[in-house]
Amino acid sequence: MTLQCETQRPIAADKILAVAIYALYGVGYFTGISALMGVIIAHVKVDDTDPVMRSHFQFQIRTFWIGLLYLVTGFLLCIILIGFLVLGWWFVWSLVRIMKGAIAASENKPIANPQSWLFG
């Protein structure tokens, strides 16, 4: 008879962490650095959680990197004015993803398609 000492991670802690990362992304509109902190946490946690929260961490990682792509492209294209449209799209796109993700995480629901470029 062998005893296995497996420590079950509380799902609530991962859920709170996922919601906190969405909040960091929201604060990132004003500071920038908080979004970077959020993506680092998501990268650390993505492989160490249940499938529901894993979908959120994957969604958060993609939100950060795709958002960064939109930001860089938008700023570069501001020279020819189309960049302002790209930046407007980035703002709406990221806001919808943050709100949708935070609501789903708080209700313990997964992101249906965390690999999506749109809204999951």
PDB file of N, CA and C in Angstrom:
ATOM      1  N   MET A   1       0.843  -1.170   0.000  1.00  0.00           N
ATOM      2  CA  MET A   1       0.000   0.000   0.000  1.00  0.00           C
ATOM      3  C   MET A   1       0.901   1.250   0.000  1.00  0.00           C
ATOM      4  N   THR A   2       0.723   2.059  -0.999  1.00  0.00           N
ATOM      5  CA  THR A   2       1.497   3.303  -1.084  1.00  0.00           C
ATOM      6  C   THR A   2       0.560   4.488  -0.948  1.00  0.00           C
ATOM      7  N   LEU A   3       1.024   5.419  -0.226  1.00  0.00           N
ATOM      8  CA  LEU A   3       0.255   6.649  -0.059  1.00  0.00           C
ATOM      9  C   LEU A   3       0.818   7.708  -0.984  1.00  0.00           C
ATOM     10  N   GLN A   4      -0.045   8.319  -1.702  1.00  0.00           N
ATOM     11  CA  GLN A   4       0.381   9.396  -2.581  1.00  0.00           C
ATOM     12  C   GLN A   4      -0.019  10.716  -1.946  1.00  0.00           C
ATOM     13  N   CYS A   5       0.929  11.576  -1.867  1.00  0.00           N
ATOM     14  CA  CYS A   5       0.660  12.900  -1.313  1.00  0.00           C
ATOM     15  C   CYS A   5       0.520  13.890  -2.458  1.00  0.00           C
ATOM     16  N   GLU A   6      -0.656  13.949  -2.987  1.00  0.00           N
ATOM     17  CA  GLU A   6      -0.917  14.917  -4.048  1.00  0.00           C
ATOM     18  C   GLU A   6      -1.622  16.110  -3.435  1.00  0.00           C
ATOM     19  N   THR A   7      -1.101  17.225  -3.701  1.00  0.00           N
ATOM     20  CA  THR A   7      -1.716  18.444  -3.205  1.00  0.00           C
ATOM     21  C   THR A   7      -2.641  18.985  -4.275  1.00  0.00           C
ATOM     22  N   GLN A   8      -3.903  19.031  -3.976  1.00  0.00           N
ATOM     23  CA  GLN A   8      -4.876  19.572  -4.913  1.00  0.00           C
ATOM     24  C   GLN A   8      -4.818  21.090  -4.854  1.00  0.00           C
ATOM     25  N   ARG A   9      -4.638  21.685  -6.010  1.00  0.00           N
ATOM     26  CA  ARG A   9      -4.628  23.152  -6.067  1.00  0.00           C
ATOM     27  C   ARG A   9      -6.072  23.635  -5.998  1.00  0.00           C
ATOM     28  N   PRO A  10      -6.330  24.615  -5.186  1.00  0.00           N
ATOM     29  CA  PRO A  10      -7.695  25.141  -5.138  1.00  0.00           C
ATOM     30  C   PRO A  10      -8.033  25.883  -6.426  1.00  0.00           C
ATOM     31  N   ILE A  11      -9.146  25.514  -7.011  1.00  0.00           N
ATOM     32  CA  ILE A  11      -9.576  26.142  -8.252  1.00  0.00           C
ATOM     33  C   ILE A  11      -9.874  27.621  -8.020  1.00  0.00           C
ATOM     34  N   ALA A  12     -10.362  27.958  -6.853  1.00  0.00           N
ATOM     35  CA  ALA A  12     -10.702  29.355  -6.573  1.00  0.00           C
ATOM     36  C   ALA A  12      -9.486  30.258  -6.687  1.00  0.00           C
ATOM     37  N   ALA A  13      -8.321  29.781  -6.267  1.00  0.00           N
ATOM     38  CA  ALA A  13      -7.116  30.606  -6.340  1.00  0.00           C
ATOM     39  C   ALA A  13      -6.758  30.918  -7.799  1.00  0.00           C
ATOM     40  N   ASP A  14      -6.866  29.920  -8.670  1.00  0.00           N
ATOM     41  CA  ASP A  14      -6.584  30.150 -10.089  1.00  0.00           C
ATOM     42  C   ASP A  14      -7.626  31.071 -10.711  1.00  0.00           C
ATOM     43  N   LYS A  15      -8.870  30.929 -10.293  1.00  0.00           N
ATOM     44  CA  LYS A  15      -9.939  31.793 -10.795  1.00  0.00           C
ATOM     45  C   LYS A  15      -9.677  33.248 -10.388  1.00  0.00           C
ATOM     46  N   ILE A  16      -9.308  33.453  -9.134  1.00  0.00           N
ATOM     47  CA  ILE A  16      -9.002  34.812  -8.659  1.00  0.00           C
ATOM     48  C   ILE A  16      -7.807  35.373  -9.414  1.00  0.00           C
ATOM     49  N   LEU A  17      -6.815  34.531  -9.655  1.00  0.00           N
ATOM     50  CA  LEU A  17      -5.625  34.967 -10.378  1.00  0.00           C
ATOM     51  C   LEU A  17      -5.977  35.359 -11.816  1.00  0.00           C
ATOM     52  N   ALA A  18      -6.834  34.574 -12.478  1.00  0.00           N
ATOM     53  CA  ALA A  18      -7.239  34.890 -13.849  1.00  0.00           C
ATOM     54  C   ALA A  18      -7.984  36.232 -13.891  1.00  0.00           C
ATOM     55  N   VAL A  19      -8.889  36.460 -12.953  1.00  0.00           N
ATOM     56  CA  VAL A  19      -9.617  37.732 -12.902  1.00  0.00           C
ATOM     57  C   VAL A  19      -8.649  38.875 -12.606  1.00  0.00           C
ATOM     58  N   ALA A  20      -7.674  38.623 -11.729  1.00  0.00           N
ATOM     59  CA  ALA A  20      -6.679  39.654 -11.403  1.00  0.00           C
ATOM     60  C   ALA A  20      -5.846  40.023 -12.631  1.00  0.00           C
ATOM     61  N   ILE A  21      -5.536  39.040 -13.472  1.00  0.00           N
ATOM     62  CA  ILE A  21      -4.774  39.338 -14.695  1.00  0.00           C
ATOM     63  C   ILE A  21      -5.607  40.210 -15.631  1.00  0.00           C
ATOM     64  N   TYR A  22      -6.896  39.915 -15.760  1.00  0.00           N
ATOM     65  CA  TYR A  22      -7.755  40.793 -16.564  1.00  0.00           C
ATOM     66  C   TYR A  22      -7.748  42.210 -15.999  1.00  0.00           C
ATOM     67  N   ALA A  23      -7.764  42.329 -14.664  1.00  0.00           N
ATOM     68  CA  ALA A  23      -7.714  43.654 -14.037  1.00  0.00           C
ATOM     69  C   ALA A  23      -6.375  44.334 -14.339  1.00  0.00           C
ATOM     70  N   LEU A  24      -5.282  43.577 -14.293  1.00  0.00           N
ATOM     71  CA  LEU A  24      -3.970  44.143 -14.639  1.00  0.00           C
ATOM     72  C   LEU A  24      -3.962  44.655 -16.076  1.00  0.00           C
ATOM     73  N   TYR A  25      -4.612  43.921 -16.974  1.00  0.00           N
ATOM     74  CA  TYR A  25      -4.703  44.373 -18.364  1.00  0.00           C
ATOM     75  C   TYR A  25      -5.488  45.676 -18.450  1.00  0.00           C
ATOM     76  N   GLY A  26      -6.556  45.793 -17.670  1.00  0.00           N
ATOM     77  CA  GLY A  26      -7.332  47.024 -17.663  1.00  0.00           C
ATOM     78  C   GLY A  26      -6.519  48.196 -17.143  1.00  0.00           C
ATOM     79  N   VAL A  27      -5.773  47.979 -16.082  1.00  0.00           N
ATOM     80  CA  VAL A  27      -4.907  49.026 -15.535  1.00  0.00           C
ATOM     81  C   VAL A  27      -3.792  49.341 -16.534  1.00  0.00           C
ATOM     82  N   GLY A  28      -3.457  48.365 -17.350  1.00  0.00           N
ATOM     83  CA  GLY A  28      -2.410  48.544 -18.363  1.00  0.00           C
ATOM     84  C   GLY A  28      -2.704  49.650 -19.363  1.00  0.00           C
ATOM     85  N   TYR A  29      -3.961  50.029 -19.526  1.00  0.00           N
ATOM     86  CA  TYR A  29      -4.284  51.171 -20.391  1.00  0.00           C
ATOM     87  C   TYR A  29      -3.628  52.446 -19.875  1.00  0.00           C
ATOM     88  N   PHE A  30      -3.414  52.503 -18.572  1.00  0.00           N
ATOM     89  CA  PHE A  30      -2.862  53.706 -17.957  1.00  0.00           C
ATOM     90  C   PHE A  30      -1.382  53.579 -17.617  1.00  0.00           C
ATOM     91  N   THR A  31      -0.940  52.349 -17.311  1.00  0.00           N
ATOM     92  CA  THR A  31       0.442  52.176 -16.873  1.00  0.00           C
ATOM     93  C   THR A  31       1.311  51.418 -17.857  1.00  0.00           C
ATOM     94  N   GLY A  32       0.740  50.478 -18.580  1.00  0.00           N
ATOM     95  CA  GLY A  32       1.510  49.653 -19.501  1.00  0.00           C
ATOM     96  C   GLY A  32       2.232  48.519 -18.811  1.00  0.00           C
ATOM     97  N   ILE A  33       2.934  48.811 -17.734  1.00  0.00           N
ATOM     98  CA  ILE A  33       3.738  47.802 -17.050  1.00  0.00           C
ATOM     99  C   ILE A  33       2.870  46.734 -16.393  1.00  0.00           C
ATOM    100  N   SER A  34       1.670  47.094 -15.972  1.00  0.00           N
ATOM    101  CA  SER A  34       0.811  46.099 -15.329  1.00  0.00           C
ATOM    102  C   SER A  34       0.371  45.021 -16.318  1.00  0.00           C
ATOM    103  N   ALA A  35       0.175  45.380 -17.582  1.00  0.00           N
ATOM    104  CA  ALA A  35      -0.164  44.373 -18.588  1.00  0.00           C
ATOM    105  C   ALA A  35       1.000  43.406 -18.775  1.00  0.00           C
ATOM    106  N   LEU A  36       2.210  43.918 -18.729  1.00  0.00           N
ATOM    107  CA  LEU A  36       3.397  43.058 -18.834  1.00  0.00           C
ATOM    108  C   LEU A  36       3.462  42.103 -17.639  1.00  0.00           C
ATOM    109  N   MET A  37       3.161  42.595 -16.465  1.00  0.00           N
ATOM    110  CA  MET A  37       3.125  41.726 -15.284  1.00  0.00           C
ATOM    111  C   MET A  37       2.058  40.645 -15.454  1.00  0.00           C
ATOM    112  N   GLY A  38       0.920  41.019 -16.003  1.00  0.00           N
ATOM    113  CA  GLY A  38      -0.162  40.062 -16.216  1.00  0.00           C
ATOM    114  C   GLY A  38       0.212  38.953 -17.176  1.00  0.00           C
ATOM    115  N   VAL A  39       0.858  39.291 -18.278  1.00  0.00           N
ATOM    116  CA  VAL A  39       1.218  38.255 -19.246  1.00  0.00           C
ATOM    117  C   VAL A  39       2.299  37.338 -18.687  1.00  0.00           C
ATOM    118  N   ILE A  40       3.187  37.862 -17.875  1.00  0.00           N
ATOM    119  CA  ILE A  40       4.200  37.006 -17.249  1.00  0.00           C
ATOM    120  C   ILE A  40       3.525  35.997 -16.319  1.00  0.00           C
ATOM    121  N   ILE A  41       2.583  36.450 -15.525  1.00  0.00           N
ATOM    122  CA  ILE A  41       1.852  35.542 -14.637  1.00  0.00           C
ATOM    123  C   ILE A  41       1.097  34.498 -15.449  1.00  0.00           C
ATOM    124  N   ALA A  42       0.440  34.917 -16.528  1.00  0.00           N
ATOM    125  CA  ALA A  42      -0.308  33.976 -17.371  1.00  0.00           C
ATOM    126  C   ALA A  42       0.616  32.931 -17.980  1.00  0.00           C
ATOM    127  N   HIS A  43       1.795  33.342 -18.433  1.00  0.00           N
ATOM    128  CA  HIS A  43       2.756  32.385 -18.986  1.00  0.00           C
ATOM    129  C   HIS A  43       3.196  31.379 -17.921  1.00  0.00           C
ATOM    130  N   VAL A  44       3.378  31.825 -16.694  1.00  0.00           N
ATOM    131  CA  VAL A  44       3.805  30.929 -15.618  1.00  0.00           C
ATOM    132  C   VAL A  44       2.698  29.934 -15.264  1.00  0.00           C
ATOM    133  N   LYS A  45       1.453  30.366 -15.271  1.00  0.00           N
ATOM    134  CA  LYS A  45       0.333  29.550 -14.803  1.00  0.00           C
ATOM    135  C   LYS A  45      -0.323  28.674 -15.868  1.00  0.00           C
ATOM    136  N   VAL A  46      -0.083  28.920 -17.140  1.00  0.00           N
ATOM    137  CA  VAL A  46      -0.858  28.270 -18.199  1.00  0.00           C
ATOM    138  C   VAL A  46      -0.780  26.739 -18.161  1.00  0.00           C
ATOM    139  N   ASP A  47       0.338  26.187 -17.786  1.00  0.00           N
ATOM    140  CA  ASP A  47       0.471  24.727 -17.785  1.00  0.00           C
ATOM    141  C   ASP A  47       0.181  24.104 -16.427  1.00  0.00           C
ATOM    142  N   ASP A  48      -0.184  24.898 -15.442  1.00  0.00           N
ATOM    143  CA  ASP A  48      -0.321  24.415 -14.071  1.00  0.00           C
ATOM    144  C   ASP A  48      -1.714  24.679 -13.520  1.00  0.00           C
ATOM    145  N   THR A  49      -2.735  24.381 -14.321  1.00  0.00           N
ATOM    146  CA  THR A  49      -4.086  24.665 -13.850  1.00  0.00           C
ATOM    147  C   THR A  49      -5.088  23.758 -14.551  1.00  0.00           C
ATOM    148  N   ASP A  50      -6.327  23.838 -14.164  1.00  0.00           N
ATOM    149  CA  ASP A  50      -7.376  23.018 -14.767  1.00  0.00           C
ATOM    150  C   ASP A  50      -7.726  23.556 -16.161  1.00  0.00           C
ATOM    151  N   PRO A  51      -8.412  22.770 -16.993  1.00  0.00           N
ATOM    152  CA  PRO A  51      -8.704  23.192 -18.379  1.00  0.00           C
ATOM    153  C   PRO A  51      -9.502  24.488 -18.509  1.00  0.00           C
ATOM    154  N   VAL A  52     -10.400  24.759 -17.582  1.00  0.00           N
ATOM    155  CA  VAL A  52     -11.203  25.990 -17.666  1.00  0.00           C
ATOM    156  C   VAL A  52     -10.309  27.210 -17.517  1.00  0.00           C
ATOM    157  N   MET A  53      -9.496  27.221 -16.487  1.00  0.00           N
ATOM    158  CA  MET A  53      -8.612  28.368 -16.271  1.00  0.00           C
ATOM    159  C   MET A  53      -7.470  28.401 -17.286  1.00  0.00           C
ATOM    160  N   ARG A  54      -7.051  27.224 -17.775  1.00  0.00           N
ATOM    161  CA  ARG A  54      -6.025  27.196 -18.832  1.00  0.00           C
ATOM    162  C   ARG A  54      -6.506  27.966 -20.057  1.00  0.00           C
ATOM    163  N   SER A  55      -7.797  27.826 -20.387  1.00  0.00           N
ATOM    164  CA  SER A  55      -8.324  28.557 -21.548  1.00  0.00           C
ATOM    165  C   SER A  55      -8.223  30.060 -21.317  1.00  0.00           C
ATOM    166  N   HIS A  56      -8.405  30.495 -20.079  1.00  0.00           N
ATOM    167  CA  HIS A  56      -8.285  31.926 -19.770  1.00  0.00           C
ATOM    168  C   HIS A  56      -6.839  32.396 -19.867  1.00  0.00           C
ATOM    169  N   PHE A  57      -5.915  31.615 -19.332  1.00  0.00           N
ATOM    170  CA  PHE A  57      -4.508  32.016 -19.387  1.00  0.00           C
ATOM    171  C   PHE A  57      -4.020  32.049 -20.845  1.00  0.00           C
ATOM    172  N   GLN A  58      -4.459  31.080 -21.668  1.00  0.00           N
ATOM    173  CA  GLN A  58      -4.107  31.107 -23.095  1.00  0.00           C
ATOM    174  C   GLN A  58      -4.694  32.342 -23.772  1.00  0.00           C
ATOM    175  N   PHE A  59      -5.939  32.646 -23.454  1.00  0.00           N
ATOM    176  CA  PHE A  59      -6.629  33.806 -24.007  1.00  0.00           C
ATOM    177  C   PHE A  59      -5.914  35.094 -23.601  1.00  0.00           C
ATOM    178  N   GLN A  60      -5.478  35.168 -22.356  1.00  0.00           N
ATOM    179  CA  GLN A  60      -4.773  36.350 -21.870  1.00  0.00           C
ATOM    180  C   GLN A  60      -3.418  36.514 -22.553  1.00  0.00           C
ATOM    181  N   ILE A  61      -2.722  35.414 -22.748  1.00  0.00           N
ATOM    182  CA  ILE A  61      -1.429  35.477 -23.435  1.00  0.00           C
ATOM    183  C   ILE A  61      -1.619  35.991 -24.854  1.00  0.00           C
ATOM    184  N   ARG A  62      -2.596  35.442 -25.559  1.00  0.00           N
ATOM    185  CA  ARG A  62      -2.849  35.896 -26.934  1.00  0.00           C
ATOM    186  C   ARG A  62      -3.331  37.343 -26.964  1.00  0.00           C
ATOM    187  N   THR A  63      -4.133  37.734 -25.984  1.00  0.00           N
ATOM    188  CA  THR A  63      -4.594  39.120 -25.927  1.00  0.00           C
ATOM    189  C   THR A  63      -3.408  40.065 -25.819  1.00  0.00           C
ATOM    190  N   PHE A  64      -2.452  39.730 -24.974  1.00  0.00           N
ATOM    191  CA  PHE A  64      -1.284  40.597 -24.815  1.00  0.00           C
ATOM    192  C   PHE A  64      -0.470  40.683 -26.101  1.00  0.00           C
ATOM    193  N   TRP A  65      -0.092  39.541 -26.666  1.00  0.00           N
ATOM    194  CA  TRP A  65       0.817  39.551 -27.821  1.00  0.00           C
ATOM    195  C   TRP A  65       0.157  40.100 -29.084  1.00  0.00           C
ATOM    196  N   ILE A  66      -1.102  39.750 -29.325  1.00  0.00           N
ATOM    197  CA  ILE A  66      -1.801  40.310 -30.482  1.00  0.00           C
ATOM    198  C   ILE A  66      -2.022  41.805 -30.267  1.00  0.00           C
ATOM    199  N   GLY A  67      -2.371  42.192 -29.043  1.00  0.00           N
ATOM    200  CA  GLY A  67      -2.540  43.611 -28.726  1.00  0.00           C
ATOM    201  C   GLY A  67      -1.262  44.398 -28.928  1.00  0.00           C
ATOM    202  N   LEU A  68      -0.129  43.817 -28.531  1.00  0.00           N
ATOM    203  CA  LEU A  68       1.154  44.479 -28.745  1.00  0.00           C
ATOM    204  C   LEU A  68       1.419  44.657 -30.235  1.00  0.00           C
ATOM    205  N   LEU A  69       1.074  43.657 -31.030  1.00  0.00           N
ATOM    206  CA  LEU A  69       1.220  43.759 -32.488  1.00  0.00           C
ATOM    207  C   LEU A  69       0.367  44.904 -33.039  1.00  0.00           C
ATOM    208  N   TYR A  70      -0.891  44.991 -32.583  1.00  0.00           N
ATOM    209  CA  TYR A  70      -1.760  46.090 -33.015  1.00  0.00           C
ATOM    210  C   TYR A  70      -1.188  47.444 -32.602  1.00  0.00           C
ATOM    211  N   LEU A  71      -0.675  47.537 -31.378  1.00  0.00           N
ATOM    212  CA  LEU A  71      -0.125  48.806 -30.897  1.00  0.00           C
ATOM    213  C   LEU A  71       1.083  49.251 -31.710  1.00  0.00           C
ATOM    214  N   VAL A  72       2.016  48.359 -31.918  1.00  0.00           N
ATOM    215  CA  VAL A  72       3.220  48.711 -32.681  1.00  0.00           C
ATOM    216  C   VAL A  72       2.847  49.092 -34.104  1.00  0.00           C
ATOM    217  N   THR A  73       1.989  48.288 -34.732  1.00  0.00           N
ATOM    218  CA  THR A  73       1.551  48.585 -36.103  1.00  0.00           C
ATOM    219  C   THR A  73       0.818  49.926 -36.151  1.00  0.00           C
ATOM    220  N   GLY A  74      -0.063  50.149 -35.190  1.00  0.00           N
ATOM    221  CA  GLY A  74      -0.822  51.396 -35.156  1.00  0.00           C
ATOM    222  C   GLY A  74       0.065  52.612 -34.997  1.00  0.00           C
ATOM    223  N   PHE A  75       1.030  52.543 -34.078  1.00  0.00           N
ATOM    224  CA  PHE A  75       1.928  53.686 -33.882  1.00  0.00           C
ATOM    225  C   PHE A  75       2.779  53.943 -35.124  1.00  0.00           C
ATOM    226  N   LEU A  76       3.242  52.869 -35.756  1.00  0.00           N
ATOM    227  CA  LEU A  76       4.048  53.055 -36.973  1.00  0.00           C
ATOM    228  C   LEU A  76       3.219  53.645 -38.110  1.00  0.00           C
ATOM    229  N   LEU A  77       1.962  53.253 -38.196  1.00  0.00           N
ATOM    230  CA  LEU A  77       1.107  53.742 -39.279  1.00  0.00           C
ATOM    231  C   LEU A  77       0.483  55.106 -38.991  1.00  0.00           C
ATOM    232  N   CYS A  78       0.705  55.651 -37.813  1.00  0.00           N
ATOM    233  CA  CYS A  78       0.190  56.993 -37.507  1.00  0.00           C
ATOM    234  C   CYS A  78       0.806  58.039 -38.439  1.00  0.00           C
ATOM    235  N   ILE A  79       1.956  57.736 -38.987  1.00  0.00           N
ATOM    236  CA  ILE A  79       2.603  58.655 -39.934  1.00  0.00           C
ATOM    237  C   ILE A  79       1.690  58.909 -41.132  1.00  0.00           C
ATOM    238  N   ILE A  80       0.982  57.857 -41.570  1.00  0.00           N
ATOM    239  CA  ILE A  80       0.080  58.025 -42.720  1.00  0.00           C
ATOM    240  C   ILE A  80      -1.392  58.042 -42.286  1.00  0.00           C
ATOM    241  N   LEU A  81      -1.624  58.326 -41.023  1.00  0.00           N
ATOM    242  CA  LEU A  81      -2.942  58.547 -40.424  1.00  0.00           C
ATOM    243  C   LEU A  81      -3.801  57.305 -40.249  1.00  0.00           C
ATOM    244  N   ILE A  82      -3.565  56.238 -41.002  1.00  0.00           N
ATOM    245  CA  ILE A  82      -4.375  55.030 -40.830  1.00  0.00           C
ATOM    246  C   ILE A  82      -4.108  54.375 -39.482  1.00  0.00           C
ATOM    247  N   GLY A  83      -2.974  54.692 -38.900  1.00  0.00           N
ATOM    248  CA  GLY A  83      -2.628  54.142 -37.597  1.00  0.00           C
ATOM    249  C   GLY A  83      -3.627  54.499 -36.514  1.00  0.00           C
ATOM    250  N   PHE A  84      -4.265  55.646 -36.629  1.00  0.00           N
ATOM    251  CA  PHE A  84      -5.255  56.037 -35.633  1.00  0.00           C
ATOM    252  C   PHE A  84      -6.458  55.088 -35.667  1.00  0.00           C
ATOM    253  N   LEU A  85      -6.801  54.598 -36.854  1.00  0.00           N
ATOM    254  CA  LEU A  85      -7.875  53.598 -36.964  1.00  0.00           C
ATOM    255  C   LEU A  85      -7.439  52.276 -36.343  1.00  0.00           C
ATOM    256  N   VAL A  86      -6.195  51.890 -36.582  1.00  0.00           N
ATOM    257  CA  VAL A  86      -5.662  50.653 -35.996  1.00  0.00           C
ATOM    258  C   VAL A  86      -5.657  50.755 -34.473  1.00  0.00           C
ATOM    259  N   LEU A  87      -5.244  51.889 -33.943  1.00  0.00           N
ATOM    260  CA  LEU A  87      -5.231  52.081 -32.489  1.00  0.00           C
ATOM    261  C   LEU A  87      -6.648  52.092 -31.905  1.00  0.00           C
ATOM    262  N   GLY A  88      -7.593  52.667 -32.640  1.00  0.00           N
ATOM    263  CA  GLY A  88      -8.992  52.637 -32.211  1.00  0.00           C
ATOM    264  C   GLY A  88      -9.519  51.207 -32.164  1.00  0.00           C
ATOM    265  N   TRP A  89      -9.190  50.434 -33.211  1.00  0.00           N
ATOM    266  CA  TRP A  89      -9.586  49.024 -33.250  1.00  0.00           C
ATOM    267  C   TRP A  89      -8.956  48.275 -32.079  1.00  0.00           C
ATOM    268  N   TRP A  90      -7.651  48.515 -31.824  1.00  0.00           N
ATOM    269  CA  TRP A  90      -6.978  47.848 -30.709  1.00  0.00           C
ATOM    270  C   TRP A  90      -7.698  48.129 -29.400  1.00  0.00           C
ATOM    271  N   PHE A  91      -8.085  49.377 -29.161  1.00  0.00           N
ATOM    272  CA  PHE A  91      -8.738  49.738 -27.913  1.00  0.00           C
ATOM    273  C   PHE A  91     -10.050  48.985 -27.744  1.00  0.00           C
ATOM    274  N   VAL A  92     -10.904  49.004 -28.752  1.00  0.00           N
ATOM    275  CA  VAL A  92     -12.199  48.326 -28.677  1.00  0.00           C
ATOM    276  C   VAL A  92     -11.992  46.814 -28.552  1.00  0.00           C
ATOM    277  N   TRP A  93     -11.115  46.273 -29.393  1.00  0.00           N
ATOM    278  CA  TRP A  93     -10.829  44.834 -29.400  1.00  0.00           C
ATOM    279  C   TRP A  93     -10.343  44.365 -28.032  1.00  0.00           C
ATOM    280  N   SER A  94      -9.374  45.059 -27.462  1.00  0.00           N
ATOM    281  CA  SER A  94      -8.805  44.636 -26.183  1.00  0.00           C
ATOM    282  C   SER A  94      -9.812  44.815 -25.046  1.00  0.00           C
ATOM    283  N   LEU A  95     -10.582  45.885 -25.080  1.00  0.00           N
ATOM    284  CA  LEU A  95     -11.579  46.114 -24.047  1.00  0.00           C
ATOM    285  C   LEU A  95     -12.628  45.006 -24.046  1.00  0.00           C
ATOM    286  N   VAL A  96     -13.092  44.608 -25.226  1.00  0.00           N
ATOM    287  CA  VAL A  96     -14.082  43.533 -25.320  1.00  0.00           C
ATOM    288  C   VAL A  96     -13.488  42.224 -24.803  1.00  0.00           C
ATOM    289  N   ARG A  97     -12.254  41.920 -25.196  1.00  0.00           N
ATOM    290  CA  ARG A  97     -11.612  40.680 -24.737  1.00  0.00           C
ATOM    291  C   ARG A  97     -11.418  40.673 -23.225  1.00  0.00           C
ATOM    292  N   ILE A  98     -11.011  41.794 -22.663  1.00  0.00           N
ATOM    293  CA  ILE A  98     -10.805  41.871 -21.218  1.00  0.00           C
ATOM    294  C   ILE A  98     -12.133  41.686 -20.483  1.00  0.00           C
ATOM    295  N   MET A  99     -13.169  42.384 -20.919  1.00  0.00           N
ATOM    296  CA  MET A  99     -14.465  42.294 -20.243  1.00  0.00           C
ATOM    297  C   MET A  99     -15.079  40.907 -20.404  1.00  0.00           C
ATOM    298  N   LYS A 100     -15.048  40.377 -21.624  1.00  0.00           N
ATOM    299  CA  LYS A 100     -15.615  39.048 -21.866  1.00  0.00           C
ATOM    300  C   LYS A 100     -14.876  38.001 -21.032  1.00  0.00           C
ATOM    301  N   GLY A 101     -13.562  38.081 -21.008  1.00  0.00           N
ATOM    302  CA  GLY A 101     -12.777  37.120 -20.248  1.00  0.00           C
ATOM    303  C   GLY A 101     -13.009  37.220 -18.758  1.00  0.00           C
ATOM    304  N   ALA A 102     -13.051  38.434 -18.237  1.00  0.00           N
ATOM    305  CA  ALA A 102     -13.257  38.623 -16.799  1.00  0.00           C
ATOM    306  C   ALA A 102     -14.620  38.092 -16.364  1.00  0.00           C
ATOM    307  N   ILE A 103     -15.632  38.339 -17.162  1.00  0.00           N
ATOM    308  CA  ILE A 103     -16.973  37.847 -16.832  1.00  0.00           C
ATOM    309  C   ILE A 103     -16.997  36.326 -16.864  1.00  0.00           C
ATOM    310  N   ALA A 104     -16.419  35.735 -17.914  1.00  0.00           N
ATOM    311  CA  ALA A 104     -16.397  34.274 -18.018  1.00  0.00           C
ATOM    312  C   ALA A 104     -15.595  33.649 -16.886  1.00  0.00           C
ATOM    313  N   ALA A 105     -14.459  34.238 -16.533  1.00  0.00           N
ATOM    314  CA  ALA A 105     -13.640  33.697 -15.445  1.00  0.00           C
ATOM    315  C   ALA A 105     -14.374  33.784 -14.114  1.00  0.00           C
ATOM    316  N   SER A 106     -15.049  34.883 -13.871  1.00  0.00           N
ATOM    317  CA  SER A 106     -15.767  35.023 -12.604  1.00  0.00           C
ATOM    318  C   SER A 106     -16.930  34.040 -12.506  1.00  0.00           C
ATOM    319  N   GLU A 107     -17.459  33.611 -13.646  1.00  0.00           N
ATOM    320  CA  GLU A 107     -18.540  32.615 -13.670  1.00  0.00           C
ATOM    321  C   GLU A 107     -17.996  31.198 -13.843  1.00  0.00           C
ATOM    322  N   ASN A 108     -16.672  31.048 -13.807  1.00  0.00           N
ATOM    323  CA  ASN A 108     -15.986  29.764 -13.959  1.00  0.00           C
ATOM    324  C   ASN A 108     -16.333  29.072 -15.280  1.00  0.00           C
ATOM    325  N   LYS A 109     -16.476  29.862 -16.341  1.00  0.00           N
ATOM    326  CA  LYS A 109     -16.743  29.341 -17.675  1.00  0.00           C
ATOM    327  C   LYS A 109     -15.478  29.470 -18.510  1.00  0.00           C
ATOM    328  N   PRO A 110     -15.207  28.488 -19.387  1.00  0.00           N
ATOM    329  CA  PRO A 110     -14.004  28.578 -20.220  1.00  0.00           C
ATOM    330  C   PRO A 110     -14.199  29.542 -21.385  1.00  0.00           C
ATOM    331  N   ILE A 111     -13.090  29.949 -21.985  1.00  0.00           N
ATOM    332  CA  ILE A 111     -13.134  30.694 -23.242  1.00  0.00           C
ATOM    333  C   ILE A 111     -13.289  29.657 -24.346  1.00  0.00           C
ATOM    334  N   ALA A 112     -14.320  29.805 -25.164  1.00  0.00           N
ATOM    335  CA  ALA A 112     -14.626  28.793 -26.177  1.00  0.00           C
ATOM    336  C   ALA A 112     -13.472  28.579 -27.150  1.00  0.00           C
ATOM    337  N   ASN A 113     -12.869  29.649 -27.618  1.00  0.00           N
ATOM    338  CA  ASN A 113     -11.763  29.538 -28.575  1.00  0.00           C
ATOM    339  C   ASN A 113     -10.646  30.484 -28.147  1.00  0.00           C
ATOM    340  N   PRO A 114      -9.793  30.048 -27.222  1.00  0.00           N
ATOM    341  CA  PRO A 114      -8.756  30.947 -26.718  1.00  0.00           C
ATOM    342  C   PRO A 114      -7.694  31.313 -27.751  1.00  0.00           C
ATOM    343  N   GLN A 115      -7.627  30.582 -28.859  1.00  0.00           N
ATOM    344  CA  GLN A 115      -6.647  30.866 -29.900  1.00  0.00           C
ATOM    345  C   GLN A 115      -7.154  31.871 -30.934  1.00  0.00           C
ATOM    346  N   SER A 116      -8.372  32.335 -30.777  1.00  0.00           N
ATOM    347  CA  SER A 116      -8.985  33.253 -31.721  1.00  0.00           C
ATOM    348  C   SER A 116      -8.298  34.617 -31.749  1.00  0.00           C
ATOM    349  N   TRP A 117      -8.283  35.228 -32.918  1.00  0.00           N
ATOM    350  CA  TRP A 117      -7.777  36.602 -33.068  1.00  0.00           C
ATOM    351  C   TRP A 117      -8.882  37.604 -32.728  1.00  0.00           C
ATOM    352  N   LEU A 118     -10.127  37.157 -32.681  1.00  0.00           N
ATOM    353  CA  LEU A 118     -11.215  38.090 -32.390  1.00  0.00           C
ATOM    354  C   LEU A 118     -11.567  38.061 -30.915  1.00  0.00           C
ATOM    355  N   PHE A 119     -12.743  37.552 -30.579  1.00  0.00           N
ATOM    356  CA  PHE A 119     -13.231  37.685 -29.211  1.00  0.00           C
ATOM    357  C   PHE A 119     -13.433  36.369 -28.501  1.00  0.00           C
ATOM    358  N   GLY A 120     -12.858  35.312 -29.006  1.00  0.00           N
ATOM    359  CA  GLY A 120     -12.918  34.002 -28.334  1.00  0.00           C
ATOM    360  C   GLY A 120     -14.217  33.366 -28.528  1.00  0.00           C
TER     361      GLY A 120
END
